[in-house]
Protein backbone atom coordinates (compact mmCIF):
# COMPACT_ATOMS: atom_id res chain seq x y z
CA MET A 1 0.00 0.00 0.00
CA VAL A 2 0.90 3.62 -0.26
CA GLY A 3 2.43 5.29 2.67
CA GLY A 4 4.36 2.31 3.97
CA GLY A 5 3.98 1.81 7.72
CA SER A 6 1.51 4.70 8.04
CA LEU A 7 -1.31 2.42 6.86
CA GLU A 8 -1.32 -0.07 9.71
CA GLY A 9 -5.10 0.24 9.99
CA ALA A 10 -5.66 -0.64 6.31
CA GLY A 11 -3.68 -3.86 6.69
CA THR A 12 -1.70 -5.80 4.13
CA VAL A 13 -4.59 -7.76 2.59
CA THR A 14 -7.46 -5.84 0.97
CA TRP A 15 -10.59 -7.92 1.59
CA TRP A 16 -12.84 -5.10 0.33
CA GLY A 17 -12.40 -1.93 -1.65
CA PHE A 18 -12.03 1.59 -0.30
CA SER A 19 -14.57 3.14 -2.67
CA PRO A 20 -18.23 2.64 -3.68
CA ALA A 21 -19.29 0.35 -6.53
CA ARG A 22 -19.13 1.86 -10.01
CA ASP A 23 -20.67 0.96 -13.36
CA LEU A 24 -17.36 1.17 -15.16
CA LEU A 25 -18.89 1.17 -18.65
CA ALA A 26 -21.03 4.21 -17.75
CA THR A 27 -18.00 6.01 -16.35
CA GLY A 28 -16.47 8.60 -18.63
CA PRO A 29 -17.60 11.00 -21.36
CA VAL A 30 -19.97 8.47 -23.01
CA LYS A 31 -21.22 4.99 -22.14
CA GLN A 32 -18.88 2.47 -23.74
CA GLN A 33 -20.15 0.30 -26.58
CA GLY A 34 -18.05 -2.58 -27.88
CA GLU A 35 -17.94 -4.22 -31.27
CA ASN A 36 -20.90 -6.58 -31.66
CA GLY A 37 -21.86 -5.65 -28.11
CA GLU A 38 -18.76 -7.34 -26.63
CA LEU A 39 -17.06 -5.33 -23.89
CA HIS A 40 -13.84 -6.09 -22.01
CA VAL A 41 -13.04 -4.74 -18.53
CA LEU A 42 -9.82 -5.36 -16.61
CA LEU A 43 -9.95 -5.11 -12.80
CA VAL A 44 -6.58 -4.93 -11.03
CA GLY A 45 -6.84 -5.32 -7.26
CA SER A 46 -10.56 -4.56 -6.98
CA SER A 47 -10.68 -6.96 -3.96
CA ASP A 48 -14.42 -7.70 -4.18
CA PRO A 49 -17.13 -8.13 -6.86
CA ARG A 50 -18.78 -4.73 -6.34
CA HIS A 51 -17.73 -3.28 -9.70
CA ILE A 52 -18.64 -6.52 -11.49
CA LEU A 53 -22.18 -6.56 -10.08
CA LYS A 54 -22.69 -2.83 -10.70
CA THR A 55 -21.42 -3.04 -14.29
CA VAL A 56 -23.56 -6.09 -15.08
CA ALA A 57 -26.61 -4.22 -13.76
CA GLY A 58 -26.01 -1.48 -16.33
CA LEU A 59 -25.77 -3.78 -19.36
CA LYS A 60 -28.27 -3.83 -22.20
CA VAL A 61 -29.96 -7.12 -23.02
CA THR A 62 -27.81 -7.55 -26.14
CA ASP A 63 -24.51 -6.57 -24.51
CA ARG A 64 -21.85 -9.14 -23.72
CA LEU A 65 -19.40 -8.40 -20.92
CA HIS A 66 -16.07 -10.11 -20.27
CA VAL A 67 -14.41 -9.09 -17.00
CA TRP A 68 -10.76 -9.96 -16.41
CA VAL A 69 -9.53 -9.99 -12.79
CA ILE A 70 -6.00 -9.69 -11.43
CA GLU A 71 -5.39 -9.77 -7.68
CA ASN A 72 -2.24 -9.70 -5.56
CA SER A 73 -3.28 -12.53 -3.24
CA MET A 74 -4.76 -15.98 -3.83
CA GLU A 75 -6.90 -15.65 -0.68
CA VAL A 76 -8.53 -12.52 -2.13
CA MET A 77 -9.09 -14.26 -5.47
CA ALA A 78 -10.67 -17.23 -3.69
CA ARG A 79 -13.05 -14.89 -1.84
CA GLN A 80 -14.02 -13.23 -5.11
CA LEU A 81 -14.91 -16.63 -6.56
CA LEU A 82 -16.86 -17.53 -3.42
CA LEU A 83 -18.87 -14.28 -3.35
CA LEU A 84 -19.67 -14.54 -7.06
CA LEU A 85 -20.81 -18.13 -6.65
CA LEU A 86 -23.04 -17.13 -3.70
CA SER A 87 -24.54 -14.43 -5.95
CA LEU A 88 -25.49 -17.06 -8.54
CA GLN A 89 -27.42 -19.40 -6.23
CA GLU A 90 -30.62 -20.42 -8.01
CA ASP A 91 -32.66 -21.77 -5.09
CA SER A 92 -32.36 -18.73 -2.78
CA SER A 93 -34.42 -15.56 -2.72
CA VAL A 94 -32.74 -12.26 -3.51
CA HIS A 95 -33.16 -11.16 0.12
CA LYS A 96 -31.54 -14.31 1.49
CA LYS A 97 -28.66 -14.12 -0.98
CA ALA A 98 -28.04 -10.50 -0.02
CA GLU A 99 -27.97 -11.42 3.68
CA VAL A 100 -25.53 -14.29 3.14
CA PHE A 101 -23.36 -12.18 0.84
CA LEU A 102 -23.04 -9.28 3.29
CA GLU A 103 -22.33 -11.56 6.26
CA VAL A 104 -19.53 -13.35 4.43
CA PHE A 105 -18.32 -10.08 2.97
CA GLY A 106 -17.97 -8.03 6.15
CA ASN A 107 -18.34 -10.12 9.33
CA SER A 108 -15.65 -11.89 11.30
CA GLU A 109 -18.29 -14.30 12.63
CA LEU A 110 -21.33 -15.79 10.90
CA ARG A 111 -24.63 -17.42 11.73
CA SER A 112 -24.53 -21.21 11.48
CA GLU A 113 -26.78 -21.14 8.40
CA THR A 114 -24.40 -18.78 6.63
CA GLY A 115 -21.44 -20.93 7.63
CA LYS A 116 -23.16 -23.90 6.02
CA ALA A 117 -23.65 -21.92 2.80
CA VAL A 118 -19.94 -21.04 2.79
CA ARG A 119 -18.93 -24.68 3.25
CA GLN A 120 -21.26 -25.78 0.44
CA ALA A 121 -19.93 -23.18 -1.97
CA ALA A 122 -16.29 -23.83 -1.01
CA ALA A 123 -16.72 -27.59 -1.45
CA GLN A 124 -18.33 -27.03 -4.84
CA LEU A 125 -15.49 -24.78 -5.99
CA SER A 126 -12.85 -27.17 -4.66
CA HIS A 127 -14.36 -30.20 -6.40
CA CYS A 128 -14.78 -28.42 -9.71
CA ILE A 129 -11.30 -26.93 -9.87
CA THR A 130 -9.74 -30.24 -8.84
CA ASP A 131 -11.72 -32.52 -11.11
CA CYS A 132 -12.23 -30.38 -14.19
CA LEU A 133 -8.75 -29.09 -14.99
CA GLU A 134 -9.74 -28.01 -18.49
CA THR A 135 -13.07 -26.42 -17.56
CA ASP A 136 -14.38 -23.91 -15.06
CA PRO A 137 -16.20 -24.07 -11.71
CA HIS A 138 -19.09 -22.30 -13.46
CA PRO A 139 -19.63 -21.33 -17.12
CA CYS A 140 -19.34 -17.66 -16.15
CA LEU A 141 -16.28 -18.10 -13.91
CA ASP A 142 -13.08 -18.91 -15.81
CA THR A 143 -10.05 -20.13 -13.85
CA THR A 144 -8.34 -22.06 -16.68
CA ARG A 145 -5.87 -19.22 -17.33
CA LEU A 146 -4.33 -19.55 -13.86
CA LYS A 147 -1.06 -21.36 -13.33
CA PHE A 148 -1.31 -24.89 -12.00
CA ARG A 149 0.26 -23.94 -8.69
CA GLU A 150 -2.29 -21.13 -8.33
CA ARG A 151 -5.14 -23.54 -8.98
CA ASP A 152 -3.66 -25.90 -6.38
CA GLU A 153 -3.51 -23.01 -3.92
CA LEU A 154 -7.17 -22.18 -4.60
CA VAL A 155 -8.13 -25.77 -3.86
CA ARG A 156 -6.13 -25.71 -0.62
CA ILE A 157 -7.90 -22.51 0.46
CA PHE A 158 -11.37 -23.83 -0.39
CA ARG A 159 -10.73 -27.09 1.48
CA SER A 160 -9.51 -25.17 4.52
CA TRP A 161 -12.80 -23.23 4.52
CA VAL A 162 -14.80 -26.45 4.34
CA ARG A 163 -12.96 -27.80 7.40
CA SER A 164 -12.73 -24.64 9.51
CA CYS A 165 -15.87 -22.60 8.80
CA THR A 166 -17.81 -24.42 11.54
CA PRO A 167 -19.22 -23.29 14.92
CA GLU A 168 -16.76 -22.84 17.78
CA GLY A 169 -15.97 -26.12 19.46
CA SER A 170 -17.08 -28.20 16.46
CA GLY A 171 -13.87 -28.70 14.56
CA SER A 172 -12.79 -25.09 14.06
CA GLY A 173 -9.18 -24.43 13.20
CA PRO A 174 -6.40 -23.59 15.65
CA VAL A 175 -6.47 -19.88 14.69
CA SER A 176 -9.22 -17.84 16.34
CA ILE A 177 -10.32 -14.92 14.19
CA THR A 178 -11.75 -13.24 17.29
CA ARG A 179 -8.38 -13.24 19.05
CA SER A 180 -6.62 -12.28 15.82
CA TRP A 181 -8.98 -9.33 15.32
CA ASP A 182 -8.46 -8.13 18.90
CA ALA A 183 -4.69 -8.43 18.51
CA ARG A 184 -4.82 -6.20 15.41
CA VAL A 185 -6.89 -3.59 17.27
CA ARG A 186 -4.49 -3.63 20.21
CA GLN A 187 -1.49 -3.27 17.91
CA HIS A 188 -3.08 -0.40 15.99
CA LEU A 189 -4.27 1.60 19.02
CA GLY A 190 -1.37 0.87 21.36
CA THR A 191 -1.81 2.77 24.61
CA ARG A 192 -5.20 4.07 23.43
CA TYR A 193 -6.71 0.58 23.54
CA ASP A 194 -8.47 1.10 26.89
CA ALA A 195 -10.16 4.17 25.40
CA ARG A 196 -10.94 2.40 22.11
CA ARG A 197 -14.62 3.41 22.04
CA GLY A 198 -13.62 7.04 22.02
CA CYS A 199 -11.10 6.36 19.24
CA PHE A 200 -13.79 4.63 17.18
CA ASP A 201 -16.17 7.57 17.63
CA TRP A 202 -13.46 10.05 16.62
CA ASP A 203 -12.57 8.15 13.42
CA LEU A 204 -16.25 7.90 12.51
CA ALA A 205 -17.27 11.50 13.21
CA MET A 206 -14.10 13.35 12.21
CA LYS A 207 -12.97 11.20 9.30
CA LEU A 208 -15.63 8.97 7.70
CA HIS A 209 -18.53 11.40 8.16
CA HIS A 210 -16.45 14.35 6.98
CA ARG A 211 -15.46 12.42 3.85
CA GLY A 212 -19.02 11.69 2.79
CA ALA A 213 -19.92 8.48 4.63
CA GLY A 214 -22.37 10.04 7.10
CA VAL A 215 -24.88 7.21 6.75
CA ILE A 216 -22.60 4.85 8.72
CA SER A 217 -24.07 4.69 12.22
CA LYS A 218 -22.12 4.88 15.46
CA GLN A 219 -23.48 1.57 16.74
CA GLN A 220 -22.67 -0.42 13.61
CA TYR A 221 -19.24 1.11 13.17
CA GLY A 222 -18.38 0.47 16.82
CA ASP A 223 -19.50 -3.17 16.58
CA TRP A 224 -17.34 -3.67 13.51
CA ARG A 225 -14.27 -1.94 14.91
CA GLY A 226 -14.53 -3.83 18.20
CA ARG A 227 -15.63 -7.31 17.08
CA GLY A 228 -15.58 -7.35 13.30
CA LEU A 229 -19.38 -7.55 12.97
CA ALA A 230 -20.46 -5.07 10.28
CA PHE A 231 -23.81 -6.56 9.19
CA GLN A 232 -26.22 -8.12 11.69
CA MET A 233 -29.45 -8.44 9.74
CA ARG A 234 -30.95 -11.03 12.09
CA GLU A 235 -31.07 -11.63 15.82
CA GLY A 236 -29.33 -14.98 15.53
CA LEU A 237 -26.07 -16.04 17.16
CA TYR A 238 -22.93 -15.03 15.30
CA GLN A 239 -20.57 -17.75 16.50
CA THR A 240 -19.22 -19.42 13.35
CA PRO A 241 -15.78 -17.99 12.48
CA ASN A 242 -15.60 -16.48 9.01
CA THR A 243 -12.30 -18.10 8.04
CA THR A 244 -12.50 -16.59 4.55
CA LEU A 245 -11.00 -13.48 6.21
CA LEU A 246 -7.91 -15.35 7.42
CA SER A 247 -4.70 -15.30 5.40
CA THR A 248 -1.06 -16.30 5.74
CA ARG A 249 1.73 -13.80 6.33
CA ILE A 250 5.46 -14.57 6.54
CA LEU A 251 5.03 -18.15 5.35
CA THR A 252 3.21 -19.67 8.33
CA GLN A 253 1.72 -16.79 10.35
CA VAL A 254 -2.05 -17.15 9.89
CA GLY A 255 -4.35 -14.40 11.10
CA TYR A 256 -6.50 -11.45 10.13
CA TRP A 257 -4.32 -8.95 8.25
CA GLY A 258 -7.00 -6.82 6.59
CA ASP A 259 -8.60 -3.43 7.20
CA ILE A 260 -9.67 -2.55 10.76
CA VAL A 261 -10.38 1.16 10.25
CA SER A 262 -12.41 2.04 7.13
CA GLY A 263 -14.80 -0.90 7.06
CA PRO A 264 -16.76 -2.95 4.50
CA PHE A 265 -19.57 -0.36 4.45
CA LEU A 266 -17.98 1.62 1.63
CA SER A 267 -18.56 -0.88 -1.18
CA PHE A 268 -22.38 -0.90 -1.11
CA GLY A 269 -23.47 1.22 1.86
CA VAL A 270 -22.62 4.90 1.38
CA GLU A 271 -24.16 5.76 -2.01
CA THR A 272 -27.56 4.95 -3.50
CA GLY A 273 -29.91 6.14 -6.20
CA ASP A 274 -32.83 5.92 -3.75
CA GLN A 275 -32.62 9.24 -1.92
CA SER A 276 -35.20 8.11 0.64
CA LEU A 277 -32.46 5.93 2.15
CA LEU A 278 -30.35 9.02 2.79
CA GLN A 279 -33.01 11.14 4.52
CA THR A 280 -32.12 12.82 7.80
CA GLN A 281 -34.15 13.95 10.78
CA ASN A 282 -32.76 16.32 13.40
CA GLY A 283 -29.37 16.08 11.75
CA ALA A 284 -29.19 12.26 11.94
CA HIS A 285 -29.71 9.70 9.20
CA VAL A 286 -32.97 7.74 9.44
CA LYS A 287 -31.47 4.68 7.73
CA THR A 288 -28.09 3.05 8.35
CA SER A 289 -25.32 1.86 6.09
CA GLN A 290 -26.62 -1.68 6.58
CA ASP A 291 -30.02 -0.66 5.17
CA VAL A 292 -28.36 1.02 2.19
CA SER A 293 -26.10 -2.00 1.59
CA MET A 294 -29.05 -4.39 1.65
CA ALA A 295 -31.13 -2.24 -0.73
CA ASN A 296 -28.26 -1.72 -3.18
CA LEU A 297 -27.15 -5.34 -3.15
CA GLN A 298 -30.69 -6.66 -3.64
CA GLU A 299 -31.08 -4.39 -6.65
CA LEU A 300 -27.80 -5.63 -8.12
CA LEU A 301 -28.70 -9.28 -7.50
CA ARG A 302 -32.09 -8.78 -9.17
CA SER A 303 -30.35 -7.39 -12.23
CA LEU A 304 -27.99 -10.36 -12.26
CA ALA A 305 -30.89 -12.80 -11.90
CA SER A 306 -32.78 -11.10 -14.75
CA ARG A 307 -29.93 -12.09 -17.08
CA GLY A 308 -29.71 -15.56 -15.60
CA GLU A 309 -31.23 -18.83 -16.69
CA PRO A 310 -31.66 -21.71 -14.24
CA ALA A 311 -29.32 -24.56 -15.03
CA SER A 312 -32.17 -27.00 -14.53
CA SER A 313 -34.11 -25.45 -17.40
CA VAL A 314 -31.17 -26.07 -19.73
CA ALA A 315 -31.18 -29.76 -18.85
CA SER A 316 -34.97 -29.99 -19.09
CA ARG A 317 -34.88 -28.70 -22.66
CA GLY A 318 -32.33 -31.35 -23.55
CA GLU A 319 -30.04 -28.89 -25.31
CA PRO A 320 -26.99 -30.43 -26.97
CA ALA A 321 -23.50 -29.45 -25.91
CA SER A 322 -23.09 -27.35 -29.02
CA SER A 323 -25.88 -25.00 -27.98
CA LEU A 324 -24.38 -24.66 -24.53
CA ALA A 325 -21.02 -23.80 -26.03
CA SER A 326 -22.63 -21.13 -28.18
CA ARG A 327 -23.59 -19.36 -24.97
CA GLY A 328 -20.06 -19.77 -23.62
CA GLU A 329 -20.84 -22.83 -21.46
CA PRO A 330 -18.43 -25.76 -21.83
CA ALA A 331 -20.15 -29.10 -21.98
CA SER A 332 -18.18 -30.51 -19.07
CA SER A 333 -19.41 -27.67 -16.86
CA VAL A 334 -22.68 -29.60 -16.50
CA ALA A 335 -20.77 -31.74 -14.01
CA SER A 336 -19.77 -28.64 -12.07
CA ARG A 337 -23.42 -27.95 -11.33
CA GLY A 338 -23.49 -31.06 -9.17
CA GLU A 339 -26.30 -32.88 -11.04
CA PRO A 340 -27.09 -36.35 -9.71
CA ALA A 341 -25.97 -39.37 -11.67
CA SER A 342 -29.59 -40.25 -12.35
CA SER A 343 -30.10 -37.02 -14.29
CA LEU A 344 -27.05 -37.82 -16.40
CA ALA A 345 -28.48 -41.21 -17.20
CA SER A 346 -31.85 -39.68 -18.08
CA ARG A 347 -30.10 -37.54 -20.67
CA GLY A 348 -28.43 -40.61 -22.13
CA GLU A 349 -24.93 -39.91 -20.87
CA PRO A 350 -23.03 -43.17 -20.52
CA ALA A 351 -21.34 -44.03 -17.25
CA SER A 352 -17.97 -44.10 -18.95
CA SER A 353 -18.22 -40.39 -19.67
CA VAL A 354 -18.73 -39.76 -15.99
CA ALA A 355 -15.63 -41.78 -15.20
CA SER A 356 -13.64 -39.89 -17.81
CA ARG A 357 -14.12 -36.73 -15.86
CA GLY A 358 -12.18 -38.23 -12.96
CA GLU A 359 -14.60 -37.18 -10.21
CA PRO A 360 -13.52 -38.04 -6.66
CA ALA A 361 -15.42 -40.48 -4.51
CA SER A 362 -16.59 -37.78 -2.11
CA PHE A 363 -18.18 -35.76 -4.90
CA LEU A 364 -19.77 -38.86 -6.46
CA ALA A 365 -21.17 -39.78 -3.08
CA SER A 366 -22.83 -36.39 -2.85
CA ARG A 367 -24.67 -37.27 -6.05
CA GLY A 368 -25.65 -40.69 -4.84
CA GLU A 369 -22.95 -42.70 -6.65
CA PRO A 370 -21.70 -45.64 -4.58
CA ALA A 371 -18.07 -45.72 -3.55
CA SER A 372 -17.65 -49.06 -5.31
CA SER A 373 -17.98 -47.29 -8.64
CA VAL A 374 -14.71 -45.53 -7.88
CA ALA A 375 -12.93 -48.82 -7.66
CA SER A 376 -14.55 -49.91 -10.92
CA ARG A 377 -12.82 -47.00 -12.58
CA GLY A 378 -9.49 -48.21 -11.28
CA GLU A 379 -8.60 -45.21 -9.14
CA PRO A 380 -5.99 -46.43 -6.62
CA ALA A 381 -6.02 -45.24 -3.03
CA SER A 382 -2.58 -43.75 -3.55
CA SER A 383 -4.04 -41.24 -6.00
CA VAL A 384 -6.19 -39.89 -3.20
CA ALA A 385 -3.16 -39.43 -1.00
CA SER A 386 -1.27 -37.75 -3.86
CA ARG A 387 -3.83 -35.00 -3.78
CA GLY A 388 -2.64 -34.10 -0.30
CA GLU A 389 -5.88 -35.02 1.52
CA PRO A 390 -5.86 -37.09 4.68
CA ALA A 391 -7.86 -40.28 4.61
CA SER A 392 -10.25 -38.94 7.21
CA SER A 393 -11.15 -35.96 5.05
CA GLN A 394 -12.02 -38.34 2.20
CA GLN A 395 -14.34 -40.30 4.44
CA GLU A 396 -15.89 -37.40 6.33
CA GLU A 397 -16.60 -34.35 4.22
CA PRO A 398 -18.94 -32.08 6.20
CA LEU A 399 -21.36 -31.58 3.34
CA ASP A 400 -20.95 -34.64 1.13
CA ASP A 401 -24.53 -35.67 1.86
CA THR A 402 -25.89 -32.24 0.94
CA PRO A 403 -26.67 -31.72 -2.74
CA SER A 404 -24.99 -28.73 -4.34
CA PRO A 405 -27.42 -25.89 -5.01
CA GLY A 406 -28.32 -25.01 -8.58
CA LEU A 407 -26.70 -21.99 -10.18
CA LEU A 408 -27.92 -19.30 -12.52
CA LEU A 409 -26.24 -18.87 -15.89
CA PRO A 410 -26.17 -15.12 -16.70
CA ARG A 411 -26.37 -14.57 -20.44
CA GLY A 412 -23.44 -12.79 -22.02
CA VAL A 413 -21.35 -12.45 -18.83
CA CYS A 414 -17.98 -14.05 -18.16
CA VAL A 415 -15.38 -13.39 -15.44
CA SER A 416 -11.84 -14.64 -16.11
CA PHE A 417 -9.16 -14.75 -13.42
CA LEU A 418 -5.58 -14.11 -14.52
CA PRO A 419 -2.31 -15.02 -12.74
CA LEU A 420 -1.19 -12.70 -9.95
CA ASP A 421 1.83 -11.31 -11.82
CA SER A 422 0.28 -11.09 -15.28
CA LEU A 423 -0.34 -7.33 -15.65
CA SER A 424 3.18 -6.47 -16.80
CA ARG A 425 3.13 -9.33 -19.32
CA LEU A 426 -0.24 -8.67 -20.96
CA ALA A 427 1.31 -6.03 -23.22
CA ASP A 428 3.64 -8.69 -24.66
CA LYS A 429 0.69 -10.75 -25.87
CA LYS A 430 -0.82 -9.85 -29.22
CA ASP A 431 -4.32 -10.86 -28.13
CA PHE A 432 -4.35 -8.15 -25.43
CA SER A 433 -2.90 -5.32 -27.51
CA HIS A 434 -5.28 -2.30 -27.20
CA PHE A 435 -7.88 -4.77 -25.97
CA PHE A 436 -9.61 -3.44 -22.84
CA HIS A 437 -12.39 -0.85 -22.93
CA ARG A 438 -11.99 -0.13 -19.21
CA ILE A 439 -9.02 -0.68 -16.91
CA TYR A 440 -9.49 -0.32 -13.16
CA LEU A 441 -6.59 0.03 -10.71
CA SER A 442 -7.17 -0.04 -6.94
CA ALA A 443 -5.36 2.29 -4.56
CA SER A 444 -3.37 -0.67 -3.21
CA LEU A 445 -1.97 -1.50 -6.68
CA ALA A 446 -1.74 1.97 -8.17
CA HIS A 447 2.05 1.61 -8.19
CA LEU A 448 1.65 -0.84 -11.10
CA LEU A 449 0.56 2.00 -13.37
CA GLY A 450 3.07 2.12 -16.24
CA SER A 451 3.47 2.11 -19.98
CA SER A 452 2.22 -1.48 -20.21
CA VAL A 453 -1.24 -0.28 -19.14
CA GLN A 454 -1.37 2.13 -22.07
CA GLN A 455 -0.49 -0.68 -24.50
CA ILE A 456 -3.46 -2.84 -23.45
CA CYS A 457 -6.04 -0.02 -23.35
CA SER A 458 -8.24 0.32 -26.45
CA PRO A 459 -8.13 3.68 -28.29
CA GLU A 460 -11.53 4.67 -26.91
CA GLY A 461 -10.89 3.10 -23.51
CA LEU A 462 -10.61 4.66 -20.06
CA LEU A 463 -8.38 4.14 -17.05
CA VAL A 464 -10.06 4.39 -13.63
CA VAL A 465 -7.84 4.60 -10.53
CA GLU A 466 -9.15 4.37 -6.98
CA LEU A 467 -8.08 7.29 -4.78
CA ALA A 468 -7.18 7.33 -1.09
CA ARG A 469 -10.21 9.29 0.15
CA PHE A 470 -11.31 6.55 2.56
CA LEU A 471 -7.87 5.45 3.72
CA LEU A 472 -8.32 6.94 7.17
CA ASP A 473 -4.71 6.55 8.29
CA LEU A 474 -3.69 9.16 5.71
CA SER A 475 -3.81 12.85 6.54
CA PRO A 476 -5.46 15.26 4.08
CA HIS A 477 -1.99 16.30 2.92
CA GLN A 478 -1.00 12.66 2.26
CA GLU A 479 -4.32 12.07 0.47
CA ARG A 480 -3.65 14.97 -1.90
CA GLY A 481 -0.09 13.76 -2.39
CA PHE A 482 -1.36 10.32 -3.39
CA GLU A 483 -3.72 11.84 -5.94
CA GLU A 484 -0.92 13.96 -7.41
CA THR A 485 1.29 10.87 -7.66
CA VAL A 486 -1.47 8.97 -9.49
CA VAL A 487 -2.07 11.82 -11.94
CA GLY A 488 1.66 12.15 -12.61
CA GLY A 489 2.10 8.42 -13.11
CA ALA A 490 -0.88 8.23 -15.46
CA LYS A 491 0.45 11.13 -17.54
CA ALA A 492 3.84 9.44 -17.82
CA ALA A 493 2.08 6.24 -18.91
CA GLY A 494 0.24 8.02 -21.72
CA PHE A 495 -3.06 9.12 -20.12
CA ASP A 496 -4.71 12.49 -19.55
CA LEU A 497 -6.95 13.31 -16.59
CA TRP A 498 -10.63 13.68 -17.46
CA THR A 499 -12.73 15.75 -15.06
CA PRO A 500 -16.52 15.25 -15.18
CA SER A 501 -18.98 18.04 -14.44
CA ASP A 502 -19.81 16.24 -11.18
CA PRO A 503 -16.35 15.23 -9.89
CA ASP A 504 -15.90 11.75 -8.45
CA LEU A 505 -13.92 12.22 -5.24
CA THR A 506 -13.16 8.51 -4.89
CA HIS A 507 -11.77 7.79 -8.36
CA ALA A 508 -9.56 9.49 -10.94
CA ILE A 509 -10.57 8.95 -14.58
CA PHE A 510 -8.12 9.11 -17.46
CA THR A 511 -8.36 8.98 -21.26
CA LEU A 512 -5.60 8.03 -23.66
CA GLN A 513 -3.45 10.91 -24.75
CA THR A 514 -4.13 12.09 -28.28
CA PRO A 515 -0.96 11.68 -30.35
CA THR A 516 0.35 14.96 -31.70
CA LEU A 517 1.78 15.27 -35.18
CA ASP A 518 5.21 16.85 -35.45
CA PRO A 519 5.25 19.91 -37.73
């Protein structure tokens, strides 16, 4: 991050962004239109799916959007995949999906029902990435461009979530996120720890509220700063550790190394098109950031669902693989939807084709396939051990007896994940030359802005860089210095600052410099 050690509160892992969601295609002088309706957006360090959901919501019916994602941490990439998969659940209402999404997104502890949803989704992602090396965990989620070691790391992370995202005292891991959170707060506040409530109130009133986030309430901000609980939509018990917020630092040091100052409210909870949510009475907001987050996220999920088609309806129509591929869905991705073996047989798929996909016994068991069928395929026990799983985990998967939920298939939307260090090498590939209509750089990765970014930006494209407005550890002078550094770096890379009539204080927008002809 910028500022070196001055950003202790922001942490070293960015689990969420420090700016509100933006429809990136509607950002700029005119709304971007691609050839044949195909649009390409590159997100570098966005940390969460807020821009993806907001941009999809602004698409026309005929538009096709391809989002490319680069992160600086495999744990952050895994969380992006998890949150996107939770957004695509077919059998949940929009309200329930929004609740689960926000809990996983911003809480250190979850309700048991939410923890079960996380384990289901993590198990589904783990099985699909492991068993379908040439296909994707979902037709709209492309992980095939990752390196093999990165895919292996994703599987390790997902399996750790399946094992550890359980209620306290029921098999949780050795690292307590509650103790890790408290240790971060103690380290950040130092001698002010005993007066932490006063410190929280000061940061909220004198920093967040002054910077435009007045809808964040004192109670909710205090609960998050003290315990890591940002969204408590229900009166249930929040006792299941949200291990998706744990990461490794210095090889083996596992803990919570993310933001403990700004909060997850910024992504969905400080701006809205519904002005009734921002009304005030006697100088205080009637609604809270949680209310705004729920309303915004439900609207985005409805837009996503309106483009989606239930996977079950595809099977019921008996569409051939060729028609699925025409919509960007690989035929083998049918397996990733977790359909029972009986449904495969009803479609006339021979058992040998199931075996050819190399599905593990645990996943076959979840679809009702007996373990003996594994032996019939000739899979030795040693191959199970070679995957790095203990025998007990093969016999006792927490959710093997729970069928995987169906998923929506949004038309014309694809999200591809690229290797962590790929930004500097994209310019060397002909396929990405002047390719992206929008390029987004987060504040944490703004130092990557260079000439290679100009080479992959289309002539009519825009560069959007997140500013440091909501990095609370920075003084106003440091915030202005960061913005000046971004503008200078963009100009050196071949971009000019574009200032809209209604300035965006959280992002800087740049257009490609117009080449000048020498006299």
